[in-house]
Protein backbone atom coordinates (compact mmCIF):
# COMPACT_ATOMS: atom_id res chain seq x y z
CA MET A 1 3.10 -19.13 -47.65
CA SER A 2 1.01 -15.78 -47.95
CA ALA A 3 -2.58 -16.79 -49.77
CA GLY A 4 -1.67 -14.73 -53.08
CA HIS A 5 1.29 -17.67 -53.54
CA ALA A 6 -0.98 -20.97 -54.17
CA THR A 7 1.58 -23.79 -55.01
CA GLY A 8 1.04 -25.59 -58.31
CA LYS A 9 -1.23 -28.12 -56.17
CA GLU A 10 -3.64 -25.79 -55.07
CA ALA A 11 -3.76 -23.68 -58.51
CA ARG A 12 -4.99 -27.03 -59.98
CA ILE A 13 -7.53 -28.09 -57.38
CA SER A 14 -9.59 -24.92 -58.04
CA MET A 15 -9.57 -25.71 -61.69
CA LEU A 16 -11.20 -29.04 -60.84
CA ASP A 17 -14.74 -28.98 -61.09
CA PRO A 18 -16.98 -29.88 -57.79
CA ASP A 19 -17.08 -33.57 -57.65
CA GLN A 20 -13.04 -34.02 -58.49
CA ARG A 21 -12.31 -30.93 -55.37
CA ALA A 22 -14.52 -33.58 -53.13
CA ALA A 23 -12.18 -36.56 -54.21
CA ASP A 24 -9.10 -34.75 -53.19
CA ARG A 25 -10.31 -33.29 -49.86
CA GLN A 26 -10.68 -36.79 -49.06
CA SER A 27 -7.29 -37.63 -49.67
CA LEU A 28 -5.82 -35.15 -47.34
CA THR A 29 -5.18 -35.82 -43.63
CA ASP A 30 -7.09 -34.79 -41.11
CA GLU A 31 -4.32 -31.53 -40.64
CA GLU A 32 -4.23 -30.66 -43.94
CA LEU A 33 -8.38 -30.51 -44.12
CA MET A 34 -7.77 -28.13 -40.72
CA LEU A 35 -5.54 -25.56 -42.86
CA ARG A 36 -7.91 -25.85 -45.25
CA VAL A 37 -10.58 -25.03 -42.65
CA GLN A 38 -8.79 -22.22 -41.15
CA ALA A 39 -8.39 -20.77 -45.02
CA GLY A 40 -12.13 -20.56 -45.71
CA GLU A 41 -13.12 -24.36 -46.53
CA LYS A 42 -15.91 -24.75 -44.64
CA ALA A 43 -16.14 -28.37 -46.54
CA CYS A 44 -13.17 -30.02 -45.09
CA PHE A 45 -14.76 -29.73 -42.02
CA ASP A 46 -17.72 -31.49 -42.49
CA ILE A 47 -15.33 -34.01 -43.94
CA LEU A 48 -13.29 -34.44 -40.32
CA VAL A 49 -16.92 -35.00 -38.98
CA GLN A 50 -17.70 -37.54 -41.33
CA ARG A 51 -14.36 -39.29 -39.92
CA TYR A 52 -14.92 -38.46 -36.26
CA LYS A 53 -18.69 -38.69 -35.37
CA THR A 54 -19.10 -42.03 -34.89
CA ARG A 55 -15.82 -42.68 -32.66
CA LEU A 56 -16.23 -39.44 -30.74
CA PHE A 57 -20.06 -40.48 -29.60
CA ASN A 58 -18.54 -43.69 -28.55
CA TYR A 59 -15.74 -41.87 -26.41
CA LEU A 60 -18.24 -40.16 -24.90
CA LEU A 61 -20.89 -42.59 -24.07
CA ARG A 62 -18.56 -44.57 -22.19
CA LEU A 63 -17.78 -41.69 -20.42
CA VAL A 64 -21.58 -40.48 -20.01
CA ARG A 65 -23.42 -43.74 -20.35
CA ASP A 66 -26.29 -41.44 -21.70
CA PRO A 67 -26.82 -41.50 -24.96
CA ASP A 68 -28.56 -38.24 -25.60
CA LEU A 69 -26.04 -36.17 -23.57
CA ALA A 70 -23.61 -38.33 -25.71
CA GLU A 71 -25.11 -36.74 -28.71
CA GLU A 72 -25.22 -33.42 -27.19
CA LEU A 73 -21.45 -32.95 -26.01
CA ALA A 74 -20.05 -34.90 -29.59
CA GLN A 75 -22.20 -32.00 -31.53
CA ASP A 76 -21.10 -28.84 -28.92
CA ALA A 77 -17.42 -30.49 -29.41
CA PHE A 78 -17.78 -30.04 -33.67
CA VAL A 79 -18.73 -26.90 -33.12
CA ARG A 80 -15.76 -25.26 -30.73
CA ALA A 81 -13.47 -26.83 -32.88
CA TYR A 82 -15.32 -25.40 -35.78
CA VAL A 83 -15.22 -21.84 -33.94
CA ASN A 84 -11.61 -22.19 -32.59
CA ALA A 85 -10.54 -23.55 -36.09
CA ASP A 86 -7.58 -20.67 -35.85
CA LYS A 87 -6.54 -21.64 -32.84
CA TYR A 88 -5.76 -25.49 -33.86
CA ARG A 89 -1.77 -25.92 -34.45
CA THR A 90 -0.57 -28.61 -36.34
CA ILE A 91 2.09 -29.69 -33.90
CA ALA A 92 -1.39 -31.93 -32.13
CA ARG A 93 -3.08 -34.10 -34.49
CA PHE A 94 -6.41 -33.62 -34.65
CA SER A 95 -7.94 -36.15 -33.30
CA THR A 96 -5.79 -35.10 -30.37
CA TRP A 97 -7.22 -31.67 -30.26
CA LEU A 98 -11.13 -33.05 -30.45
CA TYR A 99 -10.91 -35.27 -28.04
CA THR A 100 -9.14 -32.61 -25.38
CA ILE A 101 -12.25 -30.28 -26.16
CA ALA A 102 -15.08 -33.29 -25.48
CA THR A 103 -12.98 -34.32 -22.95
CA ASN A 104 -13.36 -30.60 -21.19
CA LEU A 105 -16.93 -30.98 -21.82
CA VAL A 106 -17.45 -33.43 -20.29
CA ARG A 107 -15.35 -32.43 -16.93
CA ASN A 108 -16.99 -29.73 -17.12
CA ARG A 109 -20.71 -30.84 -17.00
CA TYR A 110 -20.27 -33.06 -14.48
CA ARG A 111 -18.51 -30.40 -12.30
CA GLN A 112 -21.60 -28.48 -12.40
CA LYS A 113 -23.54 -31.42 -11.45
CA LYS A 114 -20.90 -32.11 -8.62
CA ARG A 115 -20.86 -35.71 -9.66
CA ARG A 116 -18.80 -38.33 -11.20
CA PRO A 117 -19.31 -39.29 -14.76
CA PRO A 118 -20.34 -43.10 -14.64
CA VAL A 119 -18.76 -45.51 -17.94
CA LEU A 120 -19.94 -47.54 -19.96
CA SER A 121 -16.75 -49.61 -21.08
CA LEU A 122 -17.14 -53.23 -22.73
CA PHE A 123 -14.07 -54.17 -21.51
CA PHE A 124 -12.21 -57.91 -21.78
CA ARG A 125 -8.13 -58.88 -21.35
CA THR A 126 -6.58 -60.77 -23.50
CA GLY A 127 -3.11 -60.47 -22.00
CA ASP A 128 -0.83 -60.82 -19.54
CA GLY A 129 1.82 -58.21 -17.46
CA ASP A 130 2.43 -54.38 -18.74
CA GLU A 131 1.16 -55.12 -21.99
CA GLU A 132 -1.96 -55.86 -21.24
CA MET A 133 -4.85 -54.84 -23.46
CA VAL A 134 -7.72 -54.50 -22.82
CA GLN A 135 -10.43 -54.23 -26.31
CA ASP A 136 -13.79 -54.03 -27.04
CA VAL A 137 -16.36 -56.69 -27.40
CA ALA A 138 -16.98 -57.26 -31.21
CA ASP A 139 -20.14 -56.10 -32.07
CA GLU A 140 -21.69 -58.71 -34.56
CA ALA A 141 -25.21 -60.20 -34.85
CA PRO A 142 -24.90 -62.72 -32.48
CA ASN A 143 -27.80 -65.80 -31.77
CA PRO A 144 -29.71 -65.64 -29.00
CA GLU A 145 -27.58 -67.60 -26.55
CA GLN A 146 -24.78 -65.92 -27.81
CA GLU A 147 -26.54 -62.32 -27.21
CA ALA A 148 -27.14 -63.16 -23.91
CA VAL A 149 -24.07 -64.47 -22.98
CA GLY A 150 -22.95 -60.95 -24.36
CA LYS A 151 -25.19 -58.84 -22.25
CA ASP A 152 -24.02 -60.84 -19.11
CA LEU A 153 -20.83 -60.16 -19.74
CA GLN A 154 -21.24 -56.54 -20.72
CA ARG A 155 -22.77 -56.19 -17.62
CA VAL A 156 -20.22 -57.39 -15.34
CA ILE A 157 -16.95 -55.31 -16.81
CA ALA A 158 -19.84 -52.09 -17.53
CA GLU A 159 -20.20 -52.87 -13.27
CA ALA A 160 -16.42 -53.48 -12.70
CA THR A 161 -15.11 -50.50 -15.04
CA SER A 162 -17.13 -48.26 -13.19
CA GLN A 163 -15.48 -49.47 -9.78
CA ILE A 164 -12.44 -48.21 -11.06
CA PRO A 165 -11.45 -44.77 -9.86
CA ALA A 166 -12.17 -41.76 -11.87
CA ARG A 167 -8.26 -40.10 -11.74
CA TYR A 168 -7.44 -43.52 -13.29
CA ARG A 169 -10.53 -44.71 -15.66
CA GLU A 170 -10.28 -41.68 -18.03
CA PRO A 171 -6.64 -42.64 -19.10
CA PHE A 172 -7.53 -45.65 -18.99
CA VAL A 173 -10.19 -45.35 -21.45
CA LEU A 174 -8.56 -43.12 -24.13
CA ARG A 175 -5.79 -46.02 -24.31
CA GLU A 176 -7.70 -49.31 -24.18
CA VAL A 177 -10.65 -48.27 -25.50
CA ASN A 178 -9.17 -45.60 -28.56
CA GLN A 179 -5.93 -46.48 -28.72
CA LEU A 180 -4.26 -43.26 -28.09
CA SER A 181 -0.79 -42.77 -27.74
CA TYR A 182 0.51 -42.22 -23.92
CA GLU A 183 1.86 -38.90 -24.95
CA GLU A 184 -1.42 -38.52 -26.32
CA ILE A 185 -3.39 -38.87 -23.47
CA ALA A 186 -1.38 -37.01 -21.38
CA ALA A 187 -2.18 -33.75 -24.11
CA VAL A 188 -5.61 -34.58 -23.56
CA THR A 189 -6.19 -35.05 -20.08
CA GLY A 190 -3.36 -32.63 -19.04
CA LEU A 191 -1.39 -34.94 -17.37
CA LYS A 192 2.70 -35.13 -17.06
CA LEU A 193 3.96 -38.75 -19.47
CA GLY A 194 4.61 -40.17 -16.68
CA THR A 195 1.62 -39.99 -14.10
CA VAL A 196 -0.52 -40.90 -17.68
CA ARG A 197 1.73 -44.41 -17.49
CA SER A 198 1.16 -45.01 -13.68
CA ARG A 199 -2.53 -44.17 -13.64
CA ILE A 200 -2.99 -46.47 -16.60
CA ASN A 201 -1.03 -49.22 -15.15
CA ARG A 202 -3.51 -48.70 -11.86
CA ALA A 203 -6.57 -49.08 -13.90
CA ARG A 204 -5.51 -52.03 -15.05
CA ASN A 205 -4.32 -53.23 -11.79
CA HIS A 206 -8.35 -52.56 -10.41
CA PHE A 207 -10.02 -53.68 -13.39
CA ARG A 208 -7.97 -57.22 -13.36
CA LYS A 209 -8.92 -57.62 -9.46
CA ILE A 210 -12.79 -56.47 -10.25
CA ILE A 211 -13.11 -57.86 -12.61
CA GLU A 212 -11.77 -61.93 -12.14
CA PRO A 213 -14.61 -62.82 -9.35
CA LEU A 214 -17.68 -61.02 -11.23
CA LEU A 215 -16.16 -63.82 -14.58
CA GLU A 216 -16.51 -66.65 -12.27
CA ASP A 217 -18.84 -69.27 -12.97
CA PRO A 218 -21.78 -69.09 -10.20
CA SER A 219 -23.36 -72.73 -11.93
CA PRO A 220 -23.25 -75.91 -9.79
CA SER A 221 -20.91 -78.32 -11.15
CA PRO A 222 -22.21 -81.32 -12.80
CA GLU A 223 -20.97 -83.48 -9.38
CA ALA A 224 -23.42 -81.20 -7.55
CA SER A 225 -26.05 -81.42 -9.53
CA GLY A 226 -25.71 -84.95 -9.81
CA ALA A 227 -26.28 -85.19 -5.79
CA ASP A 228 -29.23 -82.90 -5.54
CA GLN A 229 -31.09 -85.89 -8.18
C-alpha cells in the first residue's frame, strides 16, 4: 500500500490530538511500531525503547558482568536498530532482531579484546529431565538472613554458570533467562535449530554437574557439633 493510500484507521489517527495518538501507539505491537518508524514516526521507536530497555540491559549484564558496559552496549544496540530501521522485516519479531544486534555487539567487543565475556547468571533448577527450567532468582526485599542466603546462592550460581563452555552458555541464557523460543535463538545466534537444542541441553547438563557439588551444605551435622562440645 502506497503512502498516498492511508487506511481509514490511519486517517482517523492523524486527526487525533497528541495524547490520543500516544495512547494509540501504546496499543500497537512491536512489529506495527517498527512499520511506523519506517514511515517516519520517531515517537514509535521511543515506545520500543521503553518496552525493551530493562530487558535488554539485564540480558547484556548477564553476558558482560559490567553495568557500565551493559548500558553502553544497550544504547548502541538501540541506536543501530533505529538507524537501520529500514532493514527490518516483519518476518521476524522485533525482539529477535534487537537481541541479534545486541549479541553481535557483545561478540564484536570481546573479539576485539580477545577474551570471552563472563556471564552473570542467577539461576536455580526447578525441574528434571529435558524440560528442566532454569529461572532468575526472585528480586524481592529479603530480610537480612534471606539476603545473606541469596548472596551466597547468587555467588554459587554465577560461578557454576561461568564454567559452562562459552559455545553453550549464550543459547542457554537466551532460552532460560530471556525465554526465547528455539527458533528465535537460532535466528539470534545464526545456529541451526538442531544445534541450538543440542547446545542448550549440553549447557543444562554442564550446569547441573557443576551446581550440585557447589550447593552441598558444608555445615557440620548436629551429631558432629555435639561431639566437639
